[in-house]
C-alpha atoms as a PDB file:
ATOM      1  CA  MET A   1      -0.057   0.188  -0.026  1.00  0.00           C
ATOM      2  CA  ILE A   2       1.362   3.500  -0.920  1.00  0.00           C
ATOM      3  CA  PHE A   3       0.546   6.569   0.935  1.00  0.00           C
ATOM      4  CA  SER A   4       1.353   9.826  -1.224  1.00  0.00           C
ATOM      5  CA  PHE A   5       0.021  12.238   1.475  1.00  0.00           C
ATOM      6  CA  PHE A   6       3.081  11.863   3.732  1.00  0.00           C
ATOM      7  CA  ASN A   7       5.402  14.679   4.022  1.00  0.00           C
ATOM      8  CA  ILE A   8       8.366  13.512   6.066  1.00  0.00           C
ATOM      9  CA  CYS A   9      10.847  15.707   7.517  1.00  0.00           C
ATOM     10  CA  SER A  10      13.448  15.563  10.331  1.00  0.00           C
ATOM     11  CA  ALA A  11      12.444  15.918  13.739  1.00  0.00           C
ATOM     12  CA  GLU A  12      13.709  18.433  16.092  1.00  0.00           C
ATOM     13  CA  ASP A  13      14.264  16.300  19.190  1.00  0.00           C
ATOM     14  CA  VAL A  14      15.191  18.094  22.426  1.00  0.00           C
ATOM     15  CA  LYS A  15      18.287  16.147  23.965  1.00  0.00           C
ATOM     16  CA  VAL A  16      19.729  16.671  27.680  1.00  0.00           C
ATOM     17  CA  GLU A  17      22.284  14.711  29.290  1.00  0.00           C
ATOM     18  CA  PHE A  18      23.125  13.724  32.843  1.00  0.00           C
ATOM     19  CA  LEU A  19      25.638  11.724  34.694  1.00  0.00           C
ATOM     20  CA  LEU A  20      24.990   8.932  37.134  1.00  0.00           C
ATOM     21  CA  PHE A  21      27.539   7.244  39.547  1.00  0.00           C
ATOM     22  CA  LYS A  22      27.475   3.564  40.769  1.00  0.00           C
ATOM     23  CA  ASN A  23      29.489   3.081  43.885  1.00  0.00           C
ATOM     24  CA  GLU A  24      29.567  -0.765  43.342  1.00  0.00           C
ATOM     25  CA  ASN A  25      31.901  -0.523  40.369  1.00  0.00           C
ATOM     26  CA  ASP A  26      33.114   3.103  40.915  1.00  0.00           C
ATOM     27  CA  LYS A  27      31.707   3.972  37.427  1.00  0.00           C
ATOM     28  CA  THR A  28      30.201   7.008  35.805  1.00  0.00           C
ATOM     29  CA  TYR A  29      27.489   6.622  33.298  1.00  0.00           C
ATOM     30  CA  ASP A  30      26.162   9.171  30.794  1.00  0.00           C
ATOM     31  CA  LEU A  31      22.178   9.073  30.834  1.00  0.00           C
ATOM     32  CA  ASN A  32      20.843  10.547  27.567  1.00  0.00           C
ATOM     33  CA  ILE A  33      17.281  11.758  27.768  1.00  0.00           C
ATOM     34  CA  VAL A  34      15.352  12.815  24.477  1.00  0.00           C
ATOM     35  CA  PHE A  35      12.140  14.605  24.409  1.00  0.00           C
ATOM     36  CA  PRO A  36      10.262  14.152  21.134  1.00  0.00           C
ATOM     37  CA  ASP A  37       9.750  17.051  18.728  1.00  0.00           C
ATOM     38  CA  GLY A  38       6.418  18.982  20.035  1.00  0.00           C
ATOM     39  CA  LEU A  39       6.494  17.588  23.544  1.00  0.00           C
ATOM     40  CA  TYR A  40       8.143  20.782  25.168  1.00  0.00           C
ATOM     41  CA  GLU A  41       5.981  23.042  23.199  1.00  0.00           C
ATOM     42  CA  TYR A  42       3.002  20.915  24.507  1.00  0.00           C
ATOM     43  CA  TYR A  43       3.854  21.811  27.914  1.00  0.00           C
ATOM     44  CA  THR A  44       4.968  25.502  27.551  1.00  0.00           C
ATOM     45  CA  ASN A  45       1.185  26.021  26.138  1.00  0.00           C
ATOM     46  CA  LYS A  46      -0.294  24.453  29.080  1.00  0.00           C
ATOM     47  CA  ASN A  47      -1.743  26.278  31.868  1.00  0.00           C
ATOM     48  CA  HIS A  48       0.724  27.273  34.557  1.00  0.00           C
ATOM     49  CA  ARG A  49      -1.628  28.768  37.321  1.00  0.00           C
ATOM     50  CA  ILE A  50      -1.210  27.794  40.896  1.00  0.00           C
ATOM     51  CA  LEU A  51      -3.923  28.835  43.170  1.00  0.00           C
ATOM     52  CA  GLU A  52      -3.228  26.880  46.386  1.00  0.00           C
ATOM     53  CA  ALA A  53      -0.480  24.447  47.535  1.00  0.00           C
ATOM     54  CA  SER A  54      -2.176  21.267  46.306  1.00  0.00           C
ATOM     55  CA  ASP A  55      -1.905  22.536  42.703  1.00  0.00           C
ATOM     56  CA  PHE A  56       1.759  21.759  42.794  1.00  0.00           C
ATOM     57  CA  SER A  57       0.855  18.136  42.410  1.00  0.00           C
ATOM     58  CA  SER A  58      -0.707  18.682  38.838  1.00  0.00           C
ATOM     59  CA  PHE A  59       2.861  19.855  37.729  1.00  0.00           C
ATOM     60  CA  VAL A  60       4.201  16.049  38.410  1.00  0.00           C
ATOM     61  CA  THR A  61       4.487  14.243  35.139  1.00  0.00           C
ATOM     62  CA  PRO A  62       5.280  10.513  35.825  1.00  0.00           C
ATOM     63  CA  TYR A  63       4.069   9.327  32.576  1.00  0.00           C
ATOM     64  CA  ILE A  64       6.554  10.956  30.131  1.00  0.00           C
ATOM     65  CA  PHE A  65       9.423   9.994  32.578  1.00  0.00           C
ATOM     66  CA  GLU A  66       8.863   6.259  32.700  1.00  0.00           C
ATOM     67  CA  PRO A  67      11.540   5.319  30.311  1.00  0.00           C
ATOM     68  CA  VAL A  68      13.970   7.540  32.181  1.00  0.00           C
ATOM     69  CA  ALA A  69      13.123   5.778  35.521  1.00  0.00           C
ATOM     70  CA  ASP A  70      13.351   2.304  33.617  1.00  0.00           C
ATOM     71  CA  LYS A  71      16.782   3.319  32.568  1.00  0.00           C
ATOM     72  CA  ILE A  72      17.807   4.385  36.441  1.00  0.00           C
ATOM     73  CA  TRP A  73      16.386   1.041  37.705  1.00  0.00           C
ATOM     74  CA  GLU A  74      18.909  -0.707  35.273  1.00  0.00           C
ATOM     75  CA  LEU A  75      21.779   0.848  37.211  1.00  0.00           C
ATOM     76  CA  TYR A  76      20.513   0.411  40.645  1.00  0.00           C
ATOM     77  CA  ASP A  77      19.082  -2.740  42.445  1.00  0.00           C
ATOM     78  CA  ASN A  78      17.492  -0.927  45.523  1.00  0.00           C
ATOM     79  CA  GLU A  79      14.971   1.674  46.133  1.00  0.00           C
ATOM     80  CA  GLU A  80      17.552   3.873  48.065  1.00  0.00           C
ATOM     81  CA  ASP A  81      20.079   3.756  45.375  1.00  0.00           C
ATOM     82  CA  PHE A  82      17.466   4.429  42.843  1.00  0.00           C
ATOM     83  CA  VAL A  83      16.030   7.818  44.657  1.00  0.00           C
ATOM     84  CA  ASN A  84      19.657   8.884  45.169  1.00  0.00           C
ATOM     85  CA  GLY A  85      20.167   8.335  41.538  1.00  0.00           C
ATOM     86  CA  VAL A  86      17.353  10.692  40.693  1.00  0.00           C
ATOM     87  CA  LEU A  87      18.708  13.378  43.165  1.00  0.00           C
ATOM     88  CA  MET A  88      22.006  13.074  41.317  1.00  0.00           C
ATOM     89  CA  ILE A  89      20.088  14.301  38.152  1.00  0.00           C
ATOM     90  CA  VAL A  90      18.304  17.342  39.639  1.00  0.00           C
ATOM     91  CA  HIS A  91      21.674  18.159  41.641  1.00  0.00           C
ATOM     92  CA  GLN A  92      23.294  18.946  37.990  1.00  0.00           C
ATOM     93  CA  ILE A  93      20.646  21.630  36.929  1.00  0.00           C
ATOM     94  CA  ASP A  94      21.662  24.913  37.620  1.00  0.00           C
ATOM     95  CA  TYR A  95      19.988  26.847  40.622  1.00  0.00           C
ATOM     96  CA  GLU A  96      18.231  29.981  39.480  1.00  0.00           C
ATOM     97  CA  GLU A  97      14.973  31.424  41.213  1.00  0.00           C
ATOM     98  CA  THR A  98      12.282  30.987  38.670  1.00  0.00           C
ATOM     99  CA  GLU A  99       8.972  32.452  38.028  1.00  0.00           C
ATOM    100  CA  PRO A 100       6.138  31.205  37.170  1.00  0.00           C
ATOM    101  CA  ILE A 101       6.052  27.524  37.862  1.00  0.00           C
ATOM    102  CA  LYS A 102       7.161  25.149  35.125  1.00  0.00           C
ATOM    103  CA  TYR A 103       6.543  21.629  34.340  1.00  0.00           C
ATOM    104  CA  PRO A 104       9.571  19.178  34.584  1.00  0.00           C
ATOM    105  CA  ILE A 105      10.148  19.045  30.840  1.00  0.00           C
ATOM    106  CA  GLU A 106      10.634  22.975  30.707  1.00  0.00           C
ATOM    107  CA  THR A 107      13.045  22.833  33.523  1.00  0.00           C
ATOM    108  CA  MET A 108      15.200  20.153  31.918  1.00  0.00           C
ATOM    109  CA  VAL A 109      15.346  21.479  28.428  1.00  0.00           C
ATOM    110  CA  GLU A 110      16.070  25.126  29.929  1.00  0.00           C
ATOM    111  CA  GLY A 111      18.628  23.846  32.228  1.00  0.00           C
ATOM    112  CA  LYS A 112      17.793  25.921  35.187  1.00  0.00           C
ATOM    113  CA  GLY A 113      15.217  26.145  38.013  1.00  0.00           C
ATOM    114  CA  ASP A 114      14.816  26.379  41.884  1.00  0.00           C
ATOM    115  CA  CYS A 115      13.712  24.235  44.593  1.00  0.00           C
ATOM    116  CA  ASP A 116      10.239  23.532  43.704  1.00  0.00           C
ATOM    117  CA  LEU A 117      10.936  23.059  39.968  1.00  0.00           C
ATOM    118  CA  PHE A 118      13.652  20.422  41.021  1.00  0.00           C
ATOM    119  CA  SER A 119      11.226  18.862  43.436  1.00  0.00           C
ATOM    120  CA  LEU A 120       8.663  18.302  40.514  1.00  0.00           C
ATOM    121  CA  ILE A 121      11.136  16.644  38.419  1.00  0.00           C
ATOM    122  CA  ALA A 122      12.342  14.290  41.346  1.00  0.00           C
ATOM    123  CA  ALA A 123       8.814  13.379  42.048  1.00  0.00           C
ATOM    124  CA  SER A 124       7.932  12.777  38.420  1.00  0.00           C
ATOM    125  CA  VAL A 125      10.864  10.352  38.145  1.00  0.00           C
ATOM    126  CA  VAL A 126      10.467   8.605  41.342  1.00  0.00           C
ATOM    127  CA  LYS A 127       6.704   8.083  40.924  1.00  0.00           C
ATOM    128  CA  ALA A 128       7.466   6.947  37.344  1.00  0.00           C
ATOM    129  CA  GLY A 129       9.773   4.336  39.032  1.00  0.00           C
ATOM    130  CA  GLY A 130       6.959   2.899  41.028  1.00  0.00           C
ATOM    131  CA  LEU A 131       7.607   4.443  44.431  1.00  0.00           C
ATOM    132  CA  ASP A 132       5.509   6.261  46.731  1.00  0.00           C
ATOM    133  CA  VAL A 133       6.377   9.892  46.936  1.00  0.00           C
ATOM    134  CA  VAL A 134       5.026  13.368  48.255  1.00  0.00           C
ATOM    135  CA  LEU A 135       5.876  16.990  47.810  1.00  0.00           C
ATOM    136  CA  LEU A 136       7.207  18.659  51.048  1.00  0.00           C
ATOM    137  CA  TYR A 137       6.328  22.319  51.103  1.00  0.00           C
ATOM    138  CA  TYR A 138       7.664  24.782  53.843  1.00  0.00           C
ATOM    139  CA  GLU A 139       5.748  27.802  53.554  1.00  0.00           C
ATOM    140  CA  GLN A 140       7.817  29.939  56.082  1.00  0.00           C
ATOM    141  CA  GLN A 141      10.873  29.107  54.299  1.00  0.00           C
ATOM    142  CA  ALA A 142       9.607  29.331  50.904  1.00  0.00           C
ATOM    143  CA  HIS A 143      11.228  25.944  50.190  1.00  0.00           C
ATOM    144  CA  MET A 144      10.062  22.507  48.698  1.00  0.00           C
ATOM    145  CA  ASN A 145      11.560  19.023  48.593  1.00  0.00           C
ATOM    146  CA  ILE A 146      10.082  15.693  48.367  1.00  0.00           C
ATOM    147  CA  GLY A 147       9.409  12.759  50.761  1.00  0.00           C
ATOM    148  CA  VAL A 148       9.599   9.053  49.533  1.00  0.00           C
ATOM    149  CA  ASN A 149       8.353   6.094  51.372  1.00  0.00           C
ATOM    150  CA  LEU A 150      10.807   3.139  51.153  1.00  0.00           C
ATOM    151  CA  SER A 151      10.493  -0.469  52.193  1.00  0.00           C
ATOM    152  CA  SER A 152      13.537  -0.167  54.699  1.00  0.00           C
ATOM    153  CA  LYS A 153      15.281   2.627  56.448  1.00  0.00           C
ATOM    154  CA  PRO A 154      17.845   4.529  54.392  1.00  0.00           C
ATOM    155  CA  GLN A 155      21.495   2.726  54.896  1.00  0.00           C
ATOM    156  CA  ASP A 156      23.699   5.600  53.017  1.00  0.00           C
ATOM    157  CA  ALA A 157      22.554   8.904  55.086  1.00  0.00           C
ATOM    158  CA  ARG A 158      25.517  10.499  56.541  1.00  0.00           C
ATOM    159  CA  GLU A 159      23.365  11.808  59.413  1.00  0.00           C
ATOM    160  CA  ASP A 160      20.288  10.816  61.548  1.00  0.00           C
ATOM    161  CA  VAL A 161      17.854  10.066  59.178  1.00  0.00           C
ATOM    162  CA  CYS A 162      14.864  12.377  58.747  1.00  0.00           C
ATOM    163  CA  TYR A 163      11.315  11.793  57.705  1.00  0.00           C
ATOM    164  CA  VAL A 164       7.673  12.970  58.079  1.00  0.00           C
ATOM    165  CA  THR A 165       4.563  10.933  58.895  1.00  0.00           C
ATOM    166  CA  TYR A 166       1.517  11.470  56.671  1.00  0.00           C
ATOM    167  CA  GLU A 167      -1.443   9.006  57.002  1.00  0.00           C
ATOM    168  CA  ASN A 168       0.608   6.528  58.929  1.00  0.00           C
ATOM    169  CA  THR A 169       3.362   6.200  56.443  1.00  0.00           C
ATOM    170  CA  GLN A 170       6.770   7.505  56.755  1.00  0.00           C
ATOM    171  CA  TYR A 171       8.264   9.541  54.146  1.00  0.00           C
ATOM    172  CA  TYR A 172      12.085  10.002  54.157  1.00  0.00           C
ATOM    173  CA  MET A 173      13.094  13.463  53.033  1.00  0.00           C
ATOM    174  CA  ALA A 174      15.158  13.904  49.804  1.00  0.00           C
ATOM    175  CA  GLU A 175      16.466  17.336  49.578  1.00  0.00           C
ATOM    176  CA  CYS A 176      16.537  18.307  45.628  1.00  0.00           C
ATOM    177  CA  THR A 177      18.758  21.333  45.565  1.00  0.00           C
ATOM    178  CA  GLY A 178      22.650  21.270  45.724  1.00  0.00           C
ATOM    179  CA  GLY A 179      25.255  21.567  43.015  1.00  0.00           C
ATOM    180  CA  ASN A 180      27.694  18.788  44.046  1.00  0.00           C
ATOM    181  CA  TRP A 181      25.812  15.897  42.393  1.00  0.00           C
ATOM    182  CA  MET A 182      28.133  13.309  43.460  1.00  0.00           C
ATOM    183  CA  GLU A 183      28.355  14.222  47.109  1.00  0.00           C
ATOM    184  CA  GLY A 184      25.056  15.876  47.295  1.00  0.00           C
ATOM    185  CA  TRP A 185      22.221  15.447  49.475  1.00  0.00           C
ATOM    186  CA  ARG A 186      20.989  11.867  49.895  1.00  0.00           C
ATOM    187  CA  ILE A 187      17.469  10.548  50.914  1.00  0.00           C
ATOM    188  CA  GLY A 188      17.015  10.725  54.765  1.00  0.00           C
ATOM    189  CA  GLU A 189      19.025  13.757  55.000  1.00  0.00           C
ATOM    190  CA  CYS A 190      17.901  16.947  56.092  1.00  0.00           C
ATOM    191  CA  PRO A 191      19.309  20.696  55.601  1.00  0.00           C
ATOM    192  CA  PRO A 192      19.781  22.288  59.090  1.00  0.00           C
ATOM    193  CA  ASN A 193      17.413  25.118  58.340  1.00  0.00           C
ATOM    194  CA  LEU A 194      14.637  22.542  57.709  1.00  0.00           C
ATOM    195  CA  LYS A 195      14.904  20.700  60.981  1.00  0.00           C
ATOM    196  CA  ASP A 196      12.033  20.956  63.397  1.00  0.00           C
ATOM    197  CA  VAL A 197      10.110  23.270  61.112  1.00  0.00           C
ATOM    198  CA  SER A 198       6.508  23.057  60.147  1.00  0.00           C
ATOM    199  CA  VAL A 199       5.869  21.389  56.663  1.00  0.00           C
ATOM    200  CA  GLU A 200       2.831  20.754  54.445  1.00  0.00           C
ATOM    201  CA  VAL A 201       2.711  17.342  52.769  1.00  0.00           C
ATOM    202  CA  ILE A 202       1.101  17.694  49.292  1.00  0.00           C
ATOM    203  CA  SER A 203      -0.127  14.310  47.925  1.00  0.00           C
ATOM    204  CA  LEU A 204       0.119  13.557  44.422  1.00  0.00           C
ATOM    205  CA  ASP A 205      -3.799  13.212  43.839  1.00  0.00           C
ATOM    206  CA  LYS A 206      -3.754  15.737  41.104  1.00  0.00           C
ATOM    207  CA  VAL A 207      -0.946  14.222  39.138  1.00  0.00           C
ATOM    208  CA  GLU A 208      -1.164  14.890  35.376  1.00  0.00           C
ATOM    209  CA  GLN A 209      -3.199  12.215  33.344  1.00  0.00           C
ATOM    210  CA  GLY A 210      -3.372  11.816  29.646  1.00  0.00           C
ATOM    211  CA  VAL A 211      -0.095  12.913  28.047  1.00  0.00           C
ATOM    212  CA  PRO A 212       0.572  12.415  24.261  1.00  0.00           C
ATOM    213  CA  GLY A 213       4.075  11.265  24.301  1.00  0.00           C
ATOM    214  CA  GLN A 214       7.160  10.267  26.427  1.00  0.00           C
ATOM    215  CA  ALA A 215      10.884  10.917  26.808  1.00  0.00           C
ATOM    216  CA  SER A 216      13.365   8.254  25.684  1.00  0.00           C
ATOM    217  CA  ALA A 217      16.377   7.299  27.949  1.00  0.00           C
ATOM    218  CA  SER A 218      19.582   5.411  26.873  1.00  0.00           C
ATOM    219  CA  PHE A 219      23.335   5.314  28.170  1.00  0.00           C
ATOM    220  CA  SER A 220      24.332   5.724  24.505  1.00  0.00           C
ATOM    221  CA  SER A 221      23.336   8.552  22.168  1.00  0.00           C
ATOM    222  CA  LEU A 222      19.981   8.260  20.256  1.00  0.00           C
ATOM    223  CA  GLU A 223      19.181   8.799  16.667  1.00  0.00           C
ATOM    224  CA  SER A 224      15.887  10.755  15.870  1.00  0.00           C
ATOM    225  CA  SER A 225      12.714   9.151  14.489  1.00  0.00           C
ATOM    226  CA  THR A 226       9.663  10.634  12.779  1.00  0.00           C
ATOM    227  CA  LEU A 227       6.037  10.021  13.187  1.00  0.00           C
ATOM    228  CA  VAL A 228       3.682  11.558  10.512  1.00  0.00           C
ATOM    229  CA  LEU A 229      -0.112  11.483  10.888  1.00  0.00           C
ATOM    230  CA  GLU A 230      -2.994  11.792   8.634  1.00  0.00           C
ATOM    231  CA  ILE A 231      -6.725  12.013   9.442  1.00  0.00           C
ATOM    232  CA  THR A 232      -9.599  11.799   6.889  1.00  0.00           C
ATOM    233  CA  PRO A 233     -12.140  13.198   6.608  1.00  0.00           C
ATOM    234  CA  GLN A 234     -11.626  16.548   7.806  1.00  0.00           C
ATOM    235  CA  ILE A 235     -15.416  16.963   8.537  1.00  0.00           C
ATOM    236  CA  CYS A 236     -17.689  14.028   9.410  1.00  0.00           C
ATOM    237  CA  LEU A 237     -20.706  13.135  11.262  1.00  0.00           C
ATOM    238  CA  GLN A 238     -21.048  11.786  14.719  1.00  0.00           C
ATOM    239  CA  ASN A 239     -20.630   8.049  14.973  1.00  0.00           C
ATOM    240  CA  THR A 240     -19.025   7.697  11.656  1.00  0.00           C
ATOM    241  CA  ASP A 241     -15.558   6.113  10.928  1.00  0.00           C
ATOM    242  CA  ILE A 242     -12.441   8.227  10.807  1.00  0.00           C
ATOM    243  CA  THR A 243      -9.354   7.028   9.183  1.00  0.00           C
ATOM    244  CA  ILE A 244      -6.236   7.527  11.158  1.00  0.00           C
ATOM    245  CA  ARG A 245      -2.950   6.515   9.317  1.00  0.00           C
ATOM    246  CA  GLY A 246       0.530   7.400   9.347  1.00  0.00           C
ATOM    247  CA  ILE A 247       4.274   6.415   8.901  1.00  0.00           C
ATOM    248  CA  LEU A 248       7.151   5.900  11.282  1.00  0.00           C
ATOM    249  CA  SER A 249      10.683   6.800   9.872  1.00  0.00           C
ATOM    250  CA  PRO A 250      12.935   4.813   9.992  1.00  0.00           C
ATOM    251  CA  SER A 251      10.547   2.189   8.660  1.00  0.00           C
ATOM    252  CA  PHE A 252      10.538  -0.312  11.576  1.00  0.00           C
ATOM    253  CA  GLY A 253       7.922  -2.951  11.055  1.00  0.00           C
ATOM    254  CA  ASN A 254       5.836  -4.634  14.219  1.00  0.00           C
ATOM    255  CA  GLN A 255       6.109  -1.404  16.192  1.00  0.00           C
ATOM    256  CA  ASN A 256       3.684  -0.186  18.747  1.00  0.00           C
ATOM    257  CA  VAL A 257       2.096   3.141  17.996  1.00  0.00           C
ATOM    258  CA  THR A 258      -0.159   4.767  20.459  1.00  0.00           C
ATOM    259  CA  ILE A 259      -2.855   7.080  19.106  1.00  0.00           C
ATOM    260  CA  TYR A 260      -4.399   9.731  21.505  1.00  0.00           C
ATOM    261  CA  ALA A 261      -7.340  12.021  21.156  1.00  0.00           C
ATOM    262  CA  SER A 262      -8.607  15.222  22.580  1.00  0.00           C
ATOM    263  CA  VAL A 263     -12.324  16.473  22.333  1.00  0.00           C
ATOM    264  CA  ASN A 264     -12.516  20.115  22.278  1.00  0.00           C
ATOM    265  CA  ASN A 265      -9.282  20.841  24.050  1.00  0.00           C
ATOM    266  CA  SER A 266     -10.171  18.351  26.930  1.00  0.00           C
ATOM    267  CA  PRO A 267      -7.309  16.143  28.342  1.00  0.00           C
ATOM    268  CA  TRP A 268      -5.570  13.782  26.070  1.00  0.00           C
ATOM    269  CA  ILE A 269      -6.850  10.209  26.150  1.00  0.00           C
ATOM    270  CA  GLU A 270      -5.467   6.992  24.622  1.00  0.00           C
ATOM    271  CA  ILE A 271      -7.963   5.589  22.196  1.00  0.00           C
ATOM    272  CA  ASP A 272      -5.790   2.578  20.809  1.00  0.00           C
ATOM    273  CA  LYS A 273      -2.611   1.050  19.775  1.00  0.00           C
ATOM    274  CA  VAL A 274      -1.630   0.097  16.117  1.00  0.00           C
ATOM    275  CA  ILE A 275       1.206  -2.217  14.709  1.00  0.00           C
ATOM    276  CA  THR A 276       3.265  -0.669  12.025  1.00  0.00           C
ATOM    277  CA  ASN A 277       3.703  -2.936   8.840  1.00  0.00           C
ATOM    278  CA  GLU A 278       7.350  -3.862   7.325  1.00  0.00           C
ATOM    279  CA  ASN A 279       7.284  -0.346   5.695  1.00  0.00           C
ATOM    280  CA  GLY A 280       6.453   1.638   8.863  1.00  0.00           C
ATOM    281  CA  PHE A 281       2.945   2.359   7.896  1.00  0.00           C
ATOM    282  CA  PHE A 282      -0.123   2.015  10.344  1.00  0.00           C
ATOM    283  CA  GLN A 283      -3.796   2.503   9.971  1.00  0.00           C
ATOM    284  CA  LEU A 284      -6.741   2.647  12.365  1.00  0.00           C
ATOM    285  CA  LEU A 285     -10.474   2.974  11.397  1.00  0.00           C
ATOM    286  CA  TRP A 286     -12.024   4.595  14.669  1.00  0.00           C
ATOM    287  CA  ASN A 287     -15.720   4.976  15.084  1.00  0.00           C
ATOM    288  CA  ASN A 288     -16.206   8.320  16.599  1.00  0.00           C
ATOM    289  CA  GLU A 289     -18.946   9.097  19.223  1.00  0.00           C
ATOM    290  CA  PHE A 290     -17.741  12.486  19.927  1.00  0.00           C
ATOM    291  CA  THR A 291     -18.798  16.004  18.664  1.00  0.00           C
ATOM    292  CA  GLY A 292     -16.846  19.165  17.975  1.00  0.00           C
ATOM    293  CA  ILE A 293     -13.154  19.669  17.145  1.00  0.00           C
ATOM    294  CA  VAL A 294     -11.563  16.392  17.823  1.00  0.00           C
ATOM    295  CA  SER A 295      -7.673  16.371  17.712  1.00  0.00           C
ATOM    296  CA  PHE A 296      -5.190  13.418  17.257  1.00  0.00           C
ATOM    297  CA  ARG A 297      -1.675  12.825  17.913  1.00  0.00           C
ATOM    298  CA  ALA A 298       0.489   9.781  17.634  1.00  0.00           C
ATOM    299  CA  SER A 299       3.496   8.546  19.695  1.00  0.00           C
ATOM    300  CA  TRP A 300       6.303   5.935  19.209  1.00  0.00           C
ATOM    301  CA  PRO A 301       8.128   5.089  22.408  1.00  0.00           C
ATOM    302  CA  GLY A 302      11.527   4.539  20.497  1.00  0.00           C
ATOM    303  CA  ASN A 303      13.869   1.635  20.994  1.00  0.00           C
ATOM    304  CA  ASN A 304      17.700   1.250  22.120  1.00  0.00           C
ATOM    305  CA  GLU A 305      18.960   3.090  18.905  1.00  0.00           C
ATOM    306  CA  TYR A 306      16.125   5.594  18.137  1.00  0.00           C
ATOM    307  CA  ALA A 307      14.544   8.182  20.285  1.00  0.00           C
ATOM    308  CA  SER A 308      10.911   8.298  20.686  1.00  0.00           C
ATOM    309  CA  SER A 309       8.857  10.406  18.473  1.00  0.00           C
ATOM    310  CA  LEU A 310       5.317  12.375  18.627  1.00  0.00           C
ATOM    311  CA  SER A 311       3.394  13.486  15.637  1.00  0.00           C
ATOM    312  CA  THR A 312       2.154  17.095  15.057  1.00  0.00           C
ATOM    313  CA  THR A 313      -1.635  17.541  16.074  1.00  0.00           C
ATOM    314  CA  LYS A 314      -4.336  16.769  13.424  1.00  0.00           C
ATOM    315  CA  THR A 315      -8.037  17.745  13.796  1.00  0.00           C
ATOM    316  CA  THR A 316     -11.272  16.981  12.418  1.00  0.00           C
ATOM    317  CA  THR A 317     -14.604  18.674  12.948  1.00  0.00           C
ATOM    318  CA  VAL A 318     -17.508  16.213  13.947  1.00  0.00           C
ATOM    319  CA  VAL A 319     -21.042  17.371  13.230  1.00  0.00           C
ATOM    320  CA  PRO A 320     -23.593  15.788  15.890  1.00  0.00           C
ATOM    321  CA  ILE A 321     -26.246  13.755  14.205  1.00  0.00           C
ATOM    322  CA  ILE A 322     -29.279  15.678  16.066  1.00  0.00           C
ATOM    323  CA  ALA A 323     -27.853  18.927  14.220  1.00  0.00           C
ATOM    324  CA  ILE A 324     -28.370  17.241  10.752  1.00  0.00           C
ATOM    325  CA  MET A 325     -31.610  16.047  11.787  1.00  0.00           C
ATOM    326  CA  LEU A 326     -32.807  19.591  13.014  1.00  0.00           C
ATOM    327  CA  PHE A 327     -31.279  21.050   9.775  1.00  0.00           C
ATOM    328  CA  GLY A 328     -33.203  18.498   7.750  1.00  0.00           C
ATOM    329  CA  SER A 329     -36.480  19.068   9.497  1.00  0.00           C
ATOM    330  CA  ILE A 330     -36.210  22.807   9.058  1.00  0.00           C
ATOM    331  CA  LEU A 331     -35.175  22.514   5.447  1.00  0.00           C
ATOM    332  CA  LEU A 332     -38.204  20.148   4.910  1.00  0.00           C
ATOM    333  CA  GLY A 333     -40.361  22.830   6.898  1.00  0.00           C
ATOM    334  CA  ILE A 334     -39.042  25.306   4.536  1.00  0.00           C
ATOM    335  CA  ILE A 335     -39.883  23.275   1.277  1.00  0.00           C
ATOM    336  CA  GLY A 336     -43.277  22.343   2.607  1.00  0.00           C
ATOM    337  CA  ILE A 337     -44.162  26.102   3.248  1.00  0.00           C
ATOM    338  CA  SER A 338     -42.858  26.826  -0.162  1.00  0.00           C
ATOM    339  CA  ILE A 339     -45.056  24.224  -1.866  1.00  0.00           C
ATOM    340  CA  ALA A 340     -48.036  25.405   0.036  1.00  0.00           C
ATOM    341  CA  LEU A 341     -47.617  28.887  -1.057  1.00  0.00           C
ATOM    342  CA  VAL A 342     -47.067  27.916  -4.585  1.00  0.00           C
ATOM    343  CA  LEU A 343     -50.216  25.772  -4.373  1.00  0.00           C
ATOM    344  CA  LYS A 344     -52.346  28.634  -2.931  1.00  0.00           C
ATOM    345  CA  LYS A 345     -51.116  31.021  -5.493  1.00  0.00           C
ATOM    346  CA  SER A 346     -52.165  28.706  -8.274  1.00  0.00           C
ATOM    347  CA  GLN A 347     -55.580  28.160  -6.729  1.00  0.00           C
ATOM    348  CA  ASN A 348     -56.159  31.877  -6.385  1.00  0.00           C
ATOM    349  CA  GLU A 349     -55.347  32.123 -10.012  1.00  0.00           C
ATOM    350  CA  GLU A 350     -57.749  29.535 -11.022  1.00  0.00           C
ATOM    351  CA  ILE A 351     -60.661  31.083  -9.346  1.00  0.00           C
ATOM    352  CA  GLN A 352     -60.115  34.615 -10.224  1.00  0.00           C
ATOM    353  CA  PRO A 353     -63.554  35.742 -11.998  1.00  0.00           C
ATOM    354  CA  GLU A 354     -63.196  36.815 -15.714  1.00  0.00           C
ATOM    355  CA  TYR A 355     -65.072  40.191 -16.944  1.00  0.00           C
ATOM    356  CA  TRP A 356     -66.107  40.647 -20.480  1.00  0.00           C
END
């Protein structure tokens, strides 16, 4: 099958690099993180409003960092080392007081941030790694870090272990600021100015859901990939089929491509997964029950050689069936009235008397 509508261009992925250290073999690893073209822009265009402290949790984005967490787990075999690995990452980002609040991908790409932004990154990756994590907010000190529940007490803390108790669970403190990434704060350690002060625990109840894409992560450099998407028709009726098709480049077969939809700017939802053929093509026939402006994006998670990719957004306008029925009724009414007027006029002409 040949698709002539595709216009393949090189993706402009965003790449960042961090160092991780493993004590067991005294070795340093380069962790390459690649955000697919369009994902950074997606977050810069999102709402950045904070009305209350609990709103910070809506800026925690674990889904896009799942591949990053998976790579960190490849290095470390226990929860404490995993969290300390995450802290190594945020300790390498330049500290600069930043307003307004930003999403983790924005901070990573821009390469600077402050305590709350670093905490949002750390919470995102730790939660993506499957651990129970909360944000710790110190209002009087205008500071934030995170708390992580571990299955056992931290062993590598260089001082008395600090934790907070929230809903009968111990969360060990993890300080996210500090420039010395190899010898920086470890989980369980507490900066002196935060000891015995009031802290608000922010659970991650508002953590972001529905994201059209993920980062890629590797201990080697990743090549770019491209995902092109096309939607037909561009205007259709409710409960009719929409054809979603596209192509992955390089042309890998048997690859999972995830299709997302957003209705009238609502949060993105996953609607299906499709498999590419040997030429990288994929197609989905989707019966649409929504109405209004429906947007679509496709995402490929990448592999050990190529970074993940995210298509541009494509939209279609879906007209509700009731609108067509209403329009049809109005049209029939107009036609009926027109016919009645014509007939009445004809009858009047027939009975008009003639004068000689």
